[in-house]
Each structure stands twice: as structure tokens, then as C-alpha cells.
Amino acid sequence: MPFRNVFDEALSVWAPIAAAVFFVVSVVLLGAIALNRVKRREKLPFEASKNTPVELGYVVVLGIIVGGLVFGSFLWNSRLHNGVGLAQAQVTTPAARINVTAYRWCWDFNYQAAPVHVTGQCTVGDFPTVVVPAGQPVEFNLTSDDVIHAFWLPDFAVKRDVMPDHVNTLRLVFPHEGRWRGRCSEFCGTHHVTMDFFVRVVSPEQYQQFLHSGGTAV
């Protein structure tokens, strides 16, 4: 079954709407210009000084809207930048360092402490699972083999861009054991929608067993 490109679908919906709005605005604007020239007014149909309260009202309303958008963007970007476990990870030496390479359309995870390599096909039943220790800082070194991707852990409010010819570092602490889904949140092409992975958080002892076994025992 072919993969659905949600971005193409969204474009197919919004492009006609945008075109219709542009057409209506253009017709109204050109009609107003033509009507004004036909009437050949010697003066404006209103005095600007009499509309000062209305104009000030527009300014205040637009200022409130813009201020709300700026504040909301700042607040959510701050929460994204300081997601769960980020503050503790910045001041502690990482217990695990993992090189992450994104490519169209999946992920490679290579552990620096042992010859362990994790990957997959990013299809149902074959998503790569990266194993990390609970309660200890983990460092992800992120890069891309082709286009820009994004390493996103929704449950931890953490996201970093993944770019070619550049390494972005993400450090965080996973507070307890469990399994969480990660995603690519930067549109990168046809199979972007299935470019997922899993993070499995285990005890530090299980993590060491995982490394010593070459990535087979968890």
C-alpha cells in the first residue's frame, strides 16, 4: 500500500482556499479602485481625524494578538529547549554517548562505548530501538546523511534538528525505565510519516549487559 503524504494532502486542501481568497481580495480591491476613479471625488469620503478611535482600536487589538503569539512561542520554545531531564544532563558526565545518523527514511544508532549498532527499516514491526540507562545522562550526537531531519521525543518535550555536515548534541536524563516512541518531525520526503524509532530505558545494570552482549541482551 503506498504511503500517504500528509503534506501533499494538506497542500491540496489549502492551495484552492488560498487561491480563492486571493481572487476575492483582488476583485474587491480592483473594483474599489475603479469605482473611486469613476466618481472622481474631489475629497476623501471621510476625514481621517474622525476615525482615530477606530484606528487606535485596530492597533491595540493587533498588538494584543501579536504579543500573545510572541509570548506563546517563547513559552513553548523554552519548554521544548528545557524538556524533561535536560537540566540535570548538562552538568553531569554522560553515562552513554550515542552517535545518531538520520537518513531517508530511518535511523542508525552507534554506541561509542562498545561496537553496538542499531538500525531498522522504519516499517511496521521493524522500527529501530535505542537502549539507554535510566537515571543517568545520555548524550545523542545527531547528524544526517542527506537532508534536514529532526530528532523528536514527544513525551519528553525534546526536539533537535538533524542536519547534514553538522553535529547537534542533545543531552538528557530519562527518569525511569520504560519505552517511548520517537519521531522525525521535519518533513523529509515520501516516507517521512513512518520515520519513527523507539527509546527503551533500562536499569544501568541491564544497560551494561546490553553493551557487553554486543546489543543482543536486554
N, C-alpha and C. Protein backbone atom coordinates (compact mmCIF):
# COMPACT_ATOMS: atom_id res chain seq x y z
N MET A 1 0.85 -1.20 0.00
CA MET A 1 0.00 0.00 0.00
C MET A 1 0.88 1.24 0.00
N PRO A 2 0.69 2.18 -0.89
CA PRO A 2 1.53 3.37 -0.93
C PRO A 2 1.35 4.21 0.31
N PHE A 3 2.44 4.86 0.73
CA PHE A 3 2.41 5.73 1.89
C PHE A 3 1.66 7.02 1.55
N ARG A 4 0.88 7.51 2.50
CA ARG A 4 0.15 8.76 2.32
C ARG A 4 1.05 9.93 2.67
N ASN A 5 1.14 10.87 1.79
CA ASN A 5 1.92 12.08 2.03
C ASN A 5 0.99 13.14 2.59
N VAL A 6 0.98 13.30 3.91
CA VAL A 6 0.03 14.21 4.55
C VAL A 6 0.27 15.65 4.15
N PHE A 7 1.51 15.98 3.82
CA PHE A 7 1.80 17.36 3.43
C PHE A 7 1.21 17.67 2.05
N ASP A 8 1.28 16.71 1.15
CA ASP A 8 0.65 16.90 -0.16
C ASP A 8 -0.86 17.03 -0.02
N GLU A 9 -1.44 16.24 0.90
CA GLU A 9 -2.87 16.32 1.11
C GLU A 9 -3.27 17.68 1.67
N ALA A 10 -2.48 18.17 2.62
CA ALA A 10 -2.78 19.48 3.20
C ALA A 10 -2.67 20.57 2.14
N LEU A 11 -1.65 20.47 1.29
CA LEU A 11 -1.48 21.46 0.23
C LEU A 11 -2.66 21.43 -0.74
N SER A 12 -3.16 20.24 -1.04
CA SER A 12 -4.28 20.13 -1.98
C SER A 12 -5.54 20.76 -1.42
N VAL A 13 -5.63 20.85 -0.08
CA VAL A 13 -6.78 21.49 0.55
C VAL A 13 -6.60 23.00 0.63
N TRP A 14 -5.43 23.43 1.11
CA TRP A 14 -5.22 24.85 1.40
C TRP A 14 -4.92 25.67 0.16
N ALA A 15 -4.31 25.07 -0.86
CA ALA A 15 -3.97 25.84 -2.06
C ALA A 15 -5.22 26.41 -2.74
N PRO A 16 -6.29 25.62 -2.96
CA PRO A 16 -7.50 26.21 -3.56
C PRO A 16 -8.14 27.28 -2.68
N ILE A 17 -8.10 27.08 -1.36
CA ILE A 17 -8.66 28.08 -0.46
C ILE A 17 -7.88 29.39 -0.56
N ALA A 18 -6.55 29.28 -0.56
CA ALA A 18 -5.71 30.47 -0.66
C ALA A 18 -5.93 31.17 -2.01
N ALA A 19 -6.06 30.38 -3.06
CA ALA A 19 -6.30 30.97 -4.39
C ALA A 19 -7.64 31.70 -4.42
N ALA A 20 -8.67 31.12 -3.80
CA ALA A 20 -9.98 31.76 -3.78
C ALA A 20 -9.96 33.06 -2.99
N VAL A 21 -9.27 33.07 -1.84
CA VAL A 21 -9.15 34.30 -1.04
C VAL A 21 -8.41 35.37 -1.83
N PHE A 22 -7.33 34.98 -2.50
CA PHE A 22 -6.56 35.94 -3.31
C PHE A 22 -7.44 36.53 -4.41
N PHE A 23 -8.24 35.69 -5.05
CA PHE A 23 -9.11 36.16 -6.15
C PHE A 23 -10.14 37.15 -5.61
N VAL A 24 -10.79 36.82 -4.49
CA VAL A 24 -11.82 37.70 -3.94
C VAL A 24 -11.22 39.04 -3.53
N VAL A 25 -10.09 39.02 -2.84
CA VAL A 25 -9.45 40.26 -2.40
C VAL A 25 -9.04 41.10 -3.60
N SER A 26 -8.51 40.45 -4.63
CA SER A 26 -8.09 41.18 -5.83
C SER A 26 -9.28 41.84 -6.52
N VAL A 27 -10.41 41.12 -6.62
CA VAL A 27 -11.60 41.68 -7.27
C VAL A 27 -12.14 42.87 -6.49
N VAL A 28 -12.21 42.73 -5.16
CA VAL A 28 -12.71 43.83 -4.33
C VAL A 28 -11.79 45.04 -4.43
N LEU A 29 -10.48 44.83 -4.38
CA LEU A 29 -9.52 45.93 -4.46
C LEU A 29 -9.61 46.65 -5.80
N LEU A 30 -9.59 45.87 -6.88
CA LEU A 30 -9.66 46.49 -8.22
C LEU A 30 -11.01 47.18 -8.43
N GLY A 31 -12.08 46.58 -7.91
CA GLY A 31 -13.39 47.21 -8.03
C GLY A 31 -13.46 48.53 -7.29
N ALA A 32 -12.87 48.58 -6.09
CA ALA A 32 -12.85 49.82 -5.31
C ALA A 32 -12.06 50.90 -6.03
N ILE A 33 -10.93 50.52 -6.62
CA ILE A 33 -10.11 51.49 -7.35
C ILE A 33 -10.89 52.03 -8.56
N ALA A 34 -11.53 51.11 -9.31
CA ALA A 34 -12.29 51.53 -10.49
C ALA A 34 -13.46 52.43 -10.10
N LEU A 35 -14.18 52.08 -9.04
CA LEU A 35 -15.31 52.88 -8.59
C LEU A 35 -14.87 54.26 -8.15
N ASN A 36 -13.76 54.33 -7.46
CA ASN A 36 -13.25 55.62 -6.99
C ASN A 36 -12.88 56.52 -8.16
N ARG A 37 -12.30 55.92 -9.21
CA ARG A 37 -11.91 56.73 -10.37
C ARG A 37 -13.14 57.21 -11.14
N VAL A 38 -14.19 56.39 -11.18
CA VAL A 38 -15.42 56.78 -11.88
C VAL A 38 -16.07 57.97 -11.18
N LYS A 39 -16.14 57.93 -9.88
CA LYS A 39 -16.78 59.02 -9.13
C LYS A 39 -15.93 60.27 -9.10
N ARG A 40 -14.62 60.12 -9.27
CA ARG A 40 -13.69 61.26 -9.30
C ARG A 40 -13.97 62.22 -8.13
N ARG A 41 -13.88 61.68 -6.95
CA ARG A 41 -14.12 62.50 -5.77
C ARG A 41 -13.06 63.59 -5.67
N GLU A 42 -13.51 64.78 -5.26
CA GLU A 42 -12.56 65.86 -5.04
C GLU A 42 -11.95 65.80 -3.64
N LYS A 43 -12.57 65.04 -2.76
CA LYS A 43 -12.02 64.88 -1.43
C LYS A 43 -12.32 63.47 -0.94
N LEU A 44 -11.65 63.06 0.11
CA LEU A 44 -11.85 61.73 0.67
C LEU A 44 -13.28 61.59 1.20
N PRO A 45 -13.84 60.37 1.13
CA PRO A 45 -15.21 60.17 1.62
C PRO A 45 -15.31 60.23 3.14
N PHE A 46 -14.21 60.37 3.83
CA PHE A 46 -14.24 60.50 5.28
C PHE A 46 -13.04 61.34 5.70
N GLU A 47 -13.09 61.86 6.89
CA GLU A 47 -11.97 62.59 7.45
C GLU A 47 -11.23 61.68 8.42
N ALA A 48 -9.95 61.51 8.17
CA ALA A 48 -9.15 60.58 8.95
C ALA A 48 -9.20 60.90 10.44
N SER A 49 -9.26 62.20 10.77
CA SER A 49 -9.22 62.59 12.18
C SER A 49 -10.43 62.08 12.94
N LYS A 50 -11.55 61.84 12.25
CA LYS A 50 -12.76 61.37 12.91
C LYS A 50 -12.73 59.87 13.19
N ASN A 51 -11.76 59.16 12.62
CA ASN A 51 -11.68 57.72 12.79
C ASN A 51 -10.52 57.30 13.69
N THR A 52 -9.95 58.25 14.39
CA THR A 52 -8.81 57.94 15.25
C THR A 52 -9.12 56.85 16.27
N PRO A 53 -10.27 56.88 16.98
CA PRO A 53 -10.55 55.81 17.95
C PRO A 53 -10.60 54.42 17.30
N VAL A 54 -11.18 54.35 16.11
CA VAL A 54 -11.25 53.06 15.42
C VAL A 54 -9.87 52.56 15.06
N GLU A 55 -9.03 53.47 14.54
CA GLU A 55 -7.68 53.08 14.15
C GLU A 55 -6.86 52.67 15.36
N LEU A 56 -7.01 53.41 16.45
CA LEU A 56 -6.30 53.03 17.67
C LEU A 56 -6.79 51.68 18.18
N GLY A 57 -8.08 51.44 18.02
CA GLY A 57 -8.62 50.13 18.42
C GLY A 57 -7.99 49.00 17.64
N TYR A 58 -7.83 49.22 16.31
CA TYR A 58 -7.15 48.21 15.50
C TYR A 58 -5.74 47.95 16.00
N VAL A 59 -5.02 49.03 16.31
CA VAL A 59 -3.64 48.90 16.76
C VAL A 59 -3.57 48.11 18.06
N VAL A 60 -4.48 48.42 19.00
CA VAL A 60 -4.48 47.72 20.29
C VAL A 60 -4.79 46.23 20.11
N VAL A 61 -5.84 45.94 19.31
CA VAL A 61 -6.22 44.54 19.11
C VAL A 61 -5.10 43.76 18.44
N LEU A 62 -4.53 44.33 17.38
CA LEU A 62 -3.44 43.65 16.68
C LEU A 62 -2.22 43.49 17.59
N GLY A 63 -1.95 44.52 18.42
CA GLY A 63 -0.84 44.43 19.36
C GLY A 63 -1.03 43.30 20.35
N ILE A 64 -2.27 43.14 20.84
CA ILE A 64 -2.56 42.04 21.78
C ILE A 64 -2.36 40.69 21.10
N ILE A 65 -2.85 40.57 19.87
CA ILE A 65 -2.70 39.30 19.14
C ILE A 65 -1.23 38.97 18.92
N VAL A 66 -0.46 39.95 18.42
CA VAL A 66 0.96 39.72 18.17
C VAL A 66 1.69 39.40 19.47
N GLY A 67 1.38 40.16 20.54
CA GLY A 67 2.01 39.90 21.82
C GLY A 67 1.72 38.50 22.34
N GLY A 68 0.46 38.06 22.16
CA GLY A 68 0.11 36.71 22.59
C GLY A 68 0.86 35.64 21.80
N LEU A 69 1.00 35.85 20.48
CA LEU A 69 1.74 34.89 19.66
C LEU A 69 3.21 34.84 20.05
N VAL A 70 3.81 36.01 20.28
CA VAL A 70 5.22 36.05 20.67
C VAL A 70 5.43 35.38 22.02
N PHE A 71 4.56 35.71 22.99
CA PHE A 71 4.69 35.12 24.32
C PHE A 71 4.50 33.61 24.27
N GLY A 72 3.46 33.15 23.54
CA GLY A 72 3.23 31.72 23.44
C GLY A 72 4.38 30.99 22.78
N SER A 73 4.94 31.59 21.71
CA SER A 73 6.07 30.97 21.03
C SER A 73 7.28 30.88 21.95
N PHE A 74 7.54 31.96 22.68
CA PHE A 74 8.67 31.97 23.60
C PHE A 74 8.48 30.93 24.70
N LEU A 75 7.26 30.83 25.24
CA LEU A 75 6.98 29.90 26.32
C LEU A 75 7.17 28.46 25.87
N TRP A 76 6.59 28.12 24.71
CA TRP A 76 6.66 26.73 24.26
C TRP A 76 8.05 26.37 23.77
N ASN A 77 8.76 27.32 23.14
CA ASN A 77 10.14 27.04 22.73
C ASN A 77 11.03 26.84 23.94
N SER A 78 10.78 27.60 25.00
CA SER A 78 11.54 27.45 26.24
C SER A 78 11.29 26.07 26.84
N ARG A 79 10.03 25.64 26.85
CA ARG A 79 9.71 24.33 27.40
C ARG A 79 10.34 23.23 26.55
N LEU A 80 10.38 23.44 25.24
CA LEU A 80 10.98 22.47 24.35
C LEU A 80 12.49 22.39 24.57
N HIS A 81 13.12 23.56 24.78
CA HIS A 81 14.56 23.60 24.98
C HIS A 81 14.96 23.04 26.34
N ASN A 82 14.10 23.17 27.33
CA ASN A 82 14.40 22.71 28.67
C ASN A 82 13.47 21.56 29.06
N GLY A 83 13.38 20.57 28.19
CA GLY A 83 12.48 19.45 28.42
C GLY A 83 12.90 18.58 29.58
N VAL A 84 12.16 17.50 29.78
CA VAL A 84 12.38 16.61 30.91
C VAL A 84 13.83 16.10 30.93
N GLY A 85 14.52 16.29 32.03
CA GLY A 85 15.85 15.73 32.19
C GLY A 85 16.98 16.49 31.55
N LEU A 86 16.70 17.62 30.91
CA LEU A 86 17.77 18.34 30.22
C LEU A 86 18.70 19.06 31.20
N ALA A 87 18.13 19.71 32.21
CA ALA A 87 18.95 20.50 33.13
C ALA A 87 19.98 19.63 33.84
N GLN A 88 19.55 18.48 34.35
CA GLN A 88 20.48 17.59 35.06
C GLN A 88 21.57 17.08 34.13
N ALA A 89 21.22 16.80 32.88
CA ALA A 89 22.19 16.21 31.95
C ALA A 89 23.29 17.18 31.59
N GLN A 90 23.05 18.49 31.67
CA GLN A 90 24.04 19.46 31.24
C GLN A 90 25.24 19.54 32.19
N VAL A 91 25.06 19.13 33.44
CA VAL A 91 26.12 19.32 34.45
C VAL A 91 26.75 18.00 34.88
N THR A 92 26.42 16.90 34.23
CA THR A 92 26.91 15.58 34.61
C THR A 92 27.53 14.91 33.40
N THR A 93 28.62 14.19 33.61
CA THR A 93 29.26 13.46 32.52
C THR A 93 28.33 12.38 32.01
N PRO A 94 28.12 12.28 30.70
CA PRO A 94 27.19 11.28 30.16
C PRO A 94 27.63 9.85 30.46
N ALA A 95 26.65 9.04 30.83
CA ALA A 95 26.92 7.62 31.04
C ALA A 95 26.85 6.86 29.72
N ALA A 96 26.21 7.46 28.74
CA ALA A 96 26.09 6.84 27.42
C ALA A 96 26.22 7.91 26.36
N ARG A 97 27.06 7.63 25.37
CA ARG A 97 27.19 8.52 24.21
C ARG A 97 26.84 7.72 22.97
N ILE A 98 25.89 8.26 22.20
CA ILE A 98 25.36 7.53 21.05
C ILE A 98 25.38 8.45 19.83
N ASN A 99 26.01 7.99 18.77
CA ASN A 99 26.02 8.73 17.51
C ASN A 99 24.78 8.35 16.71
N VAL A 100 23.99 9.34 16.37
CA VAL A 100 22.73 9.11 15.67
C VAL A 100 22.84 9.69 14.26
N THR A 101 22.61 8.85 13.27
CA THR A 101 22.61 9.30 11.87
C THR A 101 21.24 9.09 11.28
N ALA A 102 20.64 10.17 10.84
CA ALA A 102 19.33 10.09 10.18
C ALA A 102 19.54 10.02 8.67
N TYR A 103 18.69 9.29 8.01
CA TYR A 103 18.73 9.22 6.55
C TYR A 103 17.31 8.95 6.06
N ARG A 104 17.09 9.21 4.80
CA ARG A 104 15.77 8.94 4.24
C ARG A 104 15.63 7.43 3.99
N TRP A 105 14.82 6.72 4.85
CA TRP A 105 13.93 7.30 5.84
C TRP A 105 13.98 6.44 7.09
N CYS A 106 15.11 6.50 7.81
CA CYS A 106 15.21 5.76 9.06
C CYS A 106 16.39 6.30 9.87
N TRP A 107 16.85 5.51 10.86
CA TRP A 107 17.86 5.98 11.81
C TRP A 107 18.92 4.91 12.04
N ASP A 108 20.17 5.35 12.24
CA ASP A 108 21.26 4.50 12.69
C ASP A 108 21.73 4.99 14.05
N PHE A 109 21.91 4.08 15.00
CA PHE A 109 22.41 4.41 16.32
C PHE A 109 23.70 3.63 16.56
N ASN A 110 24.79 4.34 16.80
CA ASN A 110 26.08 3.71 17.06
C ASN A 110 26.58 4.15 18.43
N TYR A 111 26.86 3.16 19.29
CA TYR A 111 27.32 3.43 20.66
C TYR A 111 28.82 3.64 20.67
N GLN A 112 29.27 4.67 21.37
CA GLN A 112 30.69 4.96 21.43
C GLN A 112 31.43 4.02 22.39
N ALA A 113 30.73 3.51 23.40
CA ALA A 113 31.40 2.70 24.43
C ALA A 113 31.59 1.25 24.02
N ALA A 114 30.94 0.81 22.95
CA ALA A 114 31.03 -0.58 22.53
C ALA A 114 30.65 -0.67 21.06
N PRO A 115 31.09 -1.74 20.38
CA PRO A 115 30.74 -1.90 18.97
C PRO A 115 29.30 -2.37 18.79
N VAL A 116 28.37 -1.50 19.16
CA VAL A 116 26.95 -1.82 19.06
C VAL A 116 26.31 -0.87 18.06
N HIS A 117 25.61 -1.47 17.10
CA HIS A 117 24.96 -0.70 16.04
C HIS A 117 23.50 -1.12 15.97
N VAL A 118 22.61 -0.14 16.00
CA VAL A 118 21.17 -0.41 15.94
C VAL A 118 20.57 0.34 14.76
N THR A 119 19.81 -0.36 13.95
CA THR A 119 19.12 0.28 12.84
C THR A 119 17.87 -0.51 12.52
N GLY A 120 17.19 -0.16 11.47
CA GLY A 120 15.96 -0.84 11.07
C GLY A 120 15.51 -0.32 9.72
N GLN A 121 14.31 -0.70 9.32
CA GLN A 121 13.75 -0.26 8.05
C GLN A 121 12.70 0.83 8.22
N CYS A 122 12.34 1.12 9.49
CA CYS A 122 11.29 2.09 9.79
C CYS A 122 9.99 1.73 9.09
N THR A 123 9.64 0.45 9.20
CA THR A 123 8.34 -0.03 8.76
C THR A 123 7.70 -0.73 9.94
N VAL A 124 6.42 -1.00 9.85
CA VAL A 124 5.71 -1.63 10.96
C VAL A 124 6.40 -2.94 11.34
N GLY A 125 6.80 -3.04 12.61
CA GLY A 125 7.49 -4.22 13.09
C GLY A 125 8.99 -4.15 12.95
N ASP A 126 9.51 -3.10 12.35
CA ASP A 126 10.97 -3.00 12.17
C ASP A 126 11.46 -1.58 12.43
N PHE A 127 10.98 -0.98 13.51
CA PHE A 127 11.49 0.31 13.92
C PHE A 127 12.72 0.10 14.81
N PRO A 128 13.80 0.87 14.61
CA PRO A 128 14.98 0.69 15.46
C PRO A 128 14.67 1.09 16.90
N THR A 129 15.27 0.36 17.85
CA THR A 129 15.09 0.64 19.27
C THR A 129 16.45 0.92 19.90
N VAL A 130 16.64 2.14 20.38
CA VAL A 130 17.89 2.51 21.03
C VAL A 130 17.71 2.29 22.54
N VAL A 131 18.67 1.62 23.16
CA VAL A 131 18.61 1.27 24.58
C VAL A 131 19.51 2.23 25.37
N VAL A 132 18.97 2.79 26.45
CA VAL A 132 19.71 3.75 27.27
C VAL A 132 19.46 3.45 28.75
N PRO A 133 20.36 3.91 29.65
CA PRO A 133 20.18 3.66 31.07
C PRO A 133 19.25 4.69 31.73
N ALA A 134 18.50 4.25 32.71
CA ALA A 134 17.61 5.14 33.46
C ALA A 134 18.38 5.91 34.51
N GLY A 135 18.00 7.17 34.70
CA GLY A 135 18.56 7.97 35.78
C GLY A 135 19.97 8.46 35.55
N GLN A 136 20.51 8.25 34.36
CA GLN A 136 21.87 8.68 34.04
C GLN A 136 21.87 9.51 32.76
N PRO A 137 22.77 10.50 32.67
CA PRO A 137 22.78 11.35 31.47
C PRO A 137 23.12 10.56 30.21
N VAL A 138 22.39 10.85 29.16
CA VAL A 138 22.61 10.22 27.86
C VAL A 138 22.88 11.33 26.84
N GLU A 139 23.91 11.14 26.03
CA GLU A 139 24.26 12.14 25.02
C GLU A 139 24.02 11.56 23.63
N PHE A 140 23.20 12.24 22.85
CA PHE A 140 22.96 11.89 21.45
C PHE A 140 23.68 12.90 20.57
N ASN A 141 24.54 12.41 19.68
CA ASN A 141 25.23 13.26 18.71
C ASN A 141 24.55 13.06 17.36
N LEU A 142 23.89 14.09 16.90
CA LEU A 142 22.94 13.96 15.79
C LEU A 142 23.49 14.54 14.49
N THR A 143 23.41 13.76 13.43
CA THR A 143 23.77 14.25 12.10
C THR A 143 22.92 13.54 11.06
N SER A 144 23.01 14.02 9.82
CA SER A 144 22.19 13.47 8.74
C SER A 144 23.06 13.09 7.56
N ASP A 145 22.64 12.05 6.85
CA ASP A 145 23.34 11.62 5.64
C ASP A 145 22.83 12.33 4.39
N ASP A 146 21.69 13.02 4.49
CA ASP A 146 21.13 13.61 3.27
C ASP A 146 20.49 14.97 3.51
N VAL A 147 19.24 15.00 3.94
CA VAL A 147 18.53 16.27 4.11
C VAL A 147 18.33 16.55 5.60
N ILE A 148 17.67 17.65 5.90
CA ILE A 148 17.40 18.00 7.30
C ILE A 148 16.27 17.13 7.85
N HIS A 149 16.54 16.53 9.01
CA HIS A 149 15.53 15.78 9.75
C HIS A 149 15.40 16.43 11.13
N ALA A 150 14.62 15.82 12.01
CA ALA A 150 14.51 16.32 13.38
C ALA A 150 14.30 15.14 14.32
N PHE A 151 15.07 15.11 15.41
CA PHE A 151 15.01 14.06 16.42
C PHE A 151 14.04 14.52 17.51
N TRP A 152 12.88 13.88 17.59
CA TRP A 152 11.80 14.36 18.44
C TRP A 152 11.33 13.26 19.38
N LEU A 153 11.30 13.59 20.69
CA LEU A 153 10.73 12.71 21.70
C LEU A 153 9.53 13.42 22.31
N PRO A 154 8.33 13.21 21.79
CA PRO A 154 7.16 13.97 22.23
C PRO A 154 6.90 13.89 23.72
N ASP A 155 7.06 12.70 24.33
CA ASP A 155 6.73 12.53 25.74
C ASP A 155 7.68 13.27 26.66
N PHE A 156 8.84 13.68 26.14
CA PHE A 156 9.81 14.41 26.96
C PHE A 156 9.94 15.87 26.53
N ALA A 157 9.11 16.29 25.59
CA ALA A 157 9.14 17.67 25.10
C ALA A 157 10.54 18.06 24.64
N VAL A 158 11.17 17.18 23.88
CA VAL A 158 12.55 17.40 23.42
C VAL A 158 12.62 17.22 21.91
N LYS A 159 13.26 18.18 21.24
CA LYS A 159 13.44 18.08 19.80
C LYS A 159 14.73 18.79 19.41
N ARG A 160 15.49 18.20 18.49
CA ARG A 160 16.68 18.82 17.94
C ARG A 160 16.72 18.61 16.44
N ASP A 161 17.16 19.63 15.71
CA ASP A 161 17.35 19.49 14.27
C ASP A 161 18.51 18.54 14.00
N VAL A 162 18.38 17.79 12.92
CA VAL A 162 19.42 16.87 12.49
C VAL A 162 19.80 17.27 11.07
N MET A 163 21.02 17.77 10.90
CA MET A 163 21.41 18.38 9.64
C MET A 163 22.64 17.70 9.04
N PRO A 164 22.75 17.69 7.73
CA PRO A 164 23.95 17.12 7.09
C PRO A 164 25.17 18.00 7.33
N ASP A 165 26.34 17.36 7.43
CA ASP A 165 27.62 18.05 7.61
C ASP A 165 27.65 18.89 8.88
N HIS A 166 26.91 18.47 9.88
CA HIS A 166 26.87 19.20 11.15
C HIS A 166 26.42 18.24 12.24
N VAL A 167 26.95 18.44 13.46
CA VAL A 167 26.56 17.59 14.59
C VAL A 167 25.89 18.45 15.66
N ASN A 168 24.66 18.14 15.97
CA ASN A 168 23.96 18.75 17.10
C ASN A 168 23.96 17.77 18.27
N THR A 169 24.22 18.28 19.45
CA THR A 169 24.29 17.42 20.63
C THR A 169 23.06 17.61 21.50
N LEU A 170 22.49 16.50 21.92
CA LEU A 170 21.34 16.51 22.82
C LEU A 170 21.68 15.65 24.03
N ARG A 171 21.61 16.26 25.21
CA ARG A 171 21.82 15.51 26.46
C ARG A 171 20.54 15.55 27.30
N LEU A 172 20.19 14.41 27.83
CA LEU A 172 19.04 14.37 28.74
C LEU A 172 19.12 13.14 29.63
N VAL A 173 18.32 13.16 30.69
CA VAL A 173 18.22 12.06 31.64
C VAL A 173 16.81 11.48 31.56
N PHE A 174 16.72 10.18 31.33
CA PHE A 174 15.43 9.51 31.36
C PHE A 174 15.17 9.07 32.80
N PRO A 175 14.11 9.58 33.43
CA PRO A 175 13.95 9.41 34.87
C PRO A 175 13.64 7.99 35.32
N HIS A 176 13.01 7.19 34.48
CA HIS A 176 12.66 5.85 34.91
C HIS A 176 12.58 4.92 33.70
N GLU A 177 12.53 3.63 33.98
CA GLU A 177 12.51 2.64 32.92
C GLU A 177 11.18 2.70 32.14
N GLY A 178 11.27 2.32 30.90
CA GLY A 178 10.07 2.33 30.06
C GLY A 178 10.45 2.31 28.60
N ARG A 179 9.46 2.55 27.76
CA ARG A 179 9.66 2.53 26.31
C ARG A 179 8.84 3.65 25.70
N TRP A 180 9.50 4.49 24.91
CA TRP A 180 8.83 5.65 24.34
C TRP A 180 9.14 5.73 22.84
N ARG A 181 8.19 6.31 22.12
CA ARG A 181 8.34 6.44 20.67
C ARG A 181 8.95 7.78 20.32
N GLY A 182 9.89 7.77 19.40
CA GLY A 182 10.46 8.99 18.85
C GLY A 182 10.09 9.12 17.38
N ARG A 183 10.17 10.34 16.88
CA ARG A 183 9.76 10.59 15.50
C ARG A 183 10.70 11.60 14.83
N CYS A 184 10.66 11.60 13.52
CA CYS A 184 11.24 12.70 12.75
C CYS A 184 10.13 13.73 12.57
N SER A 185 10.40 14.96 13.01
CA SER A 185 9.36 16.00 12.93
C SER A 185 9.68 17.07 11.88
N GLU A 186 10.63 16.78 11.00
CA GLU A 186 10.95 17.70 9.91
C GLU A 186 10.64 16.98 8.61
N PHE A 187 9.72 17.53 7.83
CA PHE A 187 9.32 16.85 6.60
C PHE A 187 10.53 16.60 5.72
N CYS A 188 10.75 15.34 5.36
CA CYS A 188 11.97 14.98 4.64
C CYS A 188 11.70 14.14 3.39
N GLY A 189 10.44 14.03 2.99
CA GLY A 189 10.18 13.31 1.76
C GLY A 189 9.07 12.29 1.90
N THR A 190 9.03 11.37 0.95
CA THR A 190 7.90 10.47 0.76
C THR A 190 7.55 9.67 2.01
N HIS A 191 8.53 9.06 2.68
CA HIS A 191 8.25 8.16 3.79
C HIS A 191 8.52 8.82 5.15
N HIS A 192 8.47 10.13 5.19
CA HIS A 192 8.67 10.85 6.45
C HIS A 192 7.70 10.38 7.53
N VAL A 193 6.47 10.07 7.14
CA VAL A 193 5.43 9.74 8.11
C VAL A 193 5.74 8.46 8.89
N THR A 194 6.60 7.58 8.37
CA THR A 194 6.92 6.34 9.08
C THR A 194 8.33 6.36 9.66
N MET A 195 8.98 7.50 9.67
CA MET A 195 10.37 7.57 10.15
C MET A 195 10.40 7.69 11.67
N ASP A 196 10.05 6.60 12.33
CA ASP A 196 9.96 6.56 13.78
C ASP A 196 11.05 5.66 14.37
N PHE A 197 11.20 5.73 15.67
CA PHE A 197 12.11 4.84 16.41
C PHE A 197 11.59 4.72 17.82
N PHE A 198 12.20 3.84 18.60
CA PHE A 198 11.83 3.68 19.99
C PHE A 198 13.06 3.89 20.88
N VAL A 199 12.82 4.47 22.04
CA VAL A 199 13.84 4.56 23.08
C VAL A 199 13.40 3.63 24.21
N ARG A 200 14.24 2.65 24.50
CA ARG A 200 13.96 1.74 25.61
C ARG A 200 14.90 2.08 26.76
N VAL A 201 14.34 2.41 27.89
CA VAL A 201 15.12 2.80 29.06
C VAL A 201 15.14 1.63 30.03
N VAL A 202 16.35 1.18 30.37
CA VAL A 202 16.52 0.04 31.26
C VAL A 202 17.37 0.45 32.45
N SER A 203 17.54 -0.44 33.40
CA SER A 203 18.39 -0.14 34.55
C SER A 203 19.85 -0.05 34.10
N PRO A 204 20.70 0.66 34.86
CA PRO A 204 22.11 0.74 34.49
C PRO A 204 22.76 -0.63 34.34
N GLU A 205 22.36 -1.59 35.18
CA GLU A 205 22.94 -2.94 35.08
C GLU A 205 22.53 -3.62 33.77
N GLN A 206 21.28 -3.48 33.41
CA GLN A 206 20.83 -4.05 32.14
C GLN A 206 21.48 -3.36 30.96
N TYR A 207 21.72 -2.08 31.10
CA TYR A 207 22.38 -1.35 30.02
C TYR A 207 23.80 -1.89 29.79
N GLN A 208 24.53 -2.15 30.87
CA GLN A 208 25.88 -2.70 30.74
C GLN A 208 25.84 -4.09 30.11
N GLN A 209 24.85 -4.89 30.48
CA GLN A 209 24.70 -6.20 29.86
C GLN A 209 24.44 -6.07 28.37
N PHE A 210 23.64 -5.08 28.02
CA PHE A 210 23.34 -4.82 26.61
C PHE A 210 24.61 -4.51 25.83
N LEU A 211 25.47 -3.67 26.39
CA LEU A 211 26.72 -3.31 25.71
C LEU A 211 27.64 -4.52 25.60
N HIS A 212 27.80 -5.26 26.70
CA HIS A 212 28.73 -6.40 26.71
C HIS A 212 28.29 -7.52 25.78
N SER A 213 26.99 -7.58 25.54
CA SER A 213 26.48 -8.65 24.66
C SER A 213 26.51 -8.24 23.20
N GLY A 214 26.99 -7.03 22.93
CA GLY A 214 27.01 -6.55 21.56
C GLY A 214 25.66 -6.09 21.05
N GLY A 215 24.76 -5.83 22.01
CA GLY A 215 23.45 -5.31 21.64
C GLY A 215 22.38 -6.36 21.49
N THR A 216 22.65 -7.60 21.97
CA THR A 216 21.67 -8.66 21.82
C THR A 216 20.88 -8.92 23.08
N ALA A 217 21.47 -8.65 24.26
CA ALA A 217 20.78 -8.94 25.53
C ALA A 217 20.29 -7.65 26.15
N VAL A 218 19.05 -7.67 26.57
CA VAL A 218 18.47 -6.53 27.27
C VAL A 218 17.69 -7.05 28.47
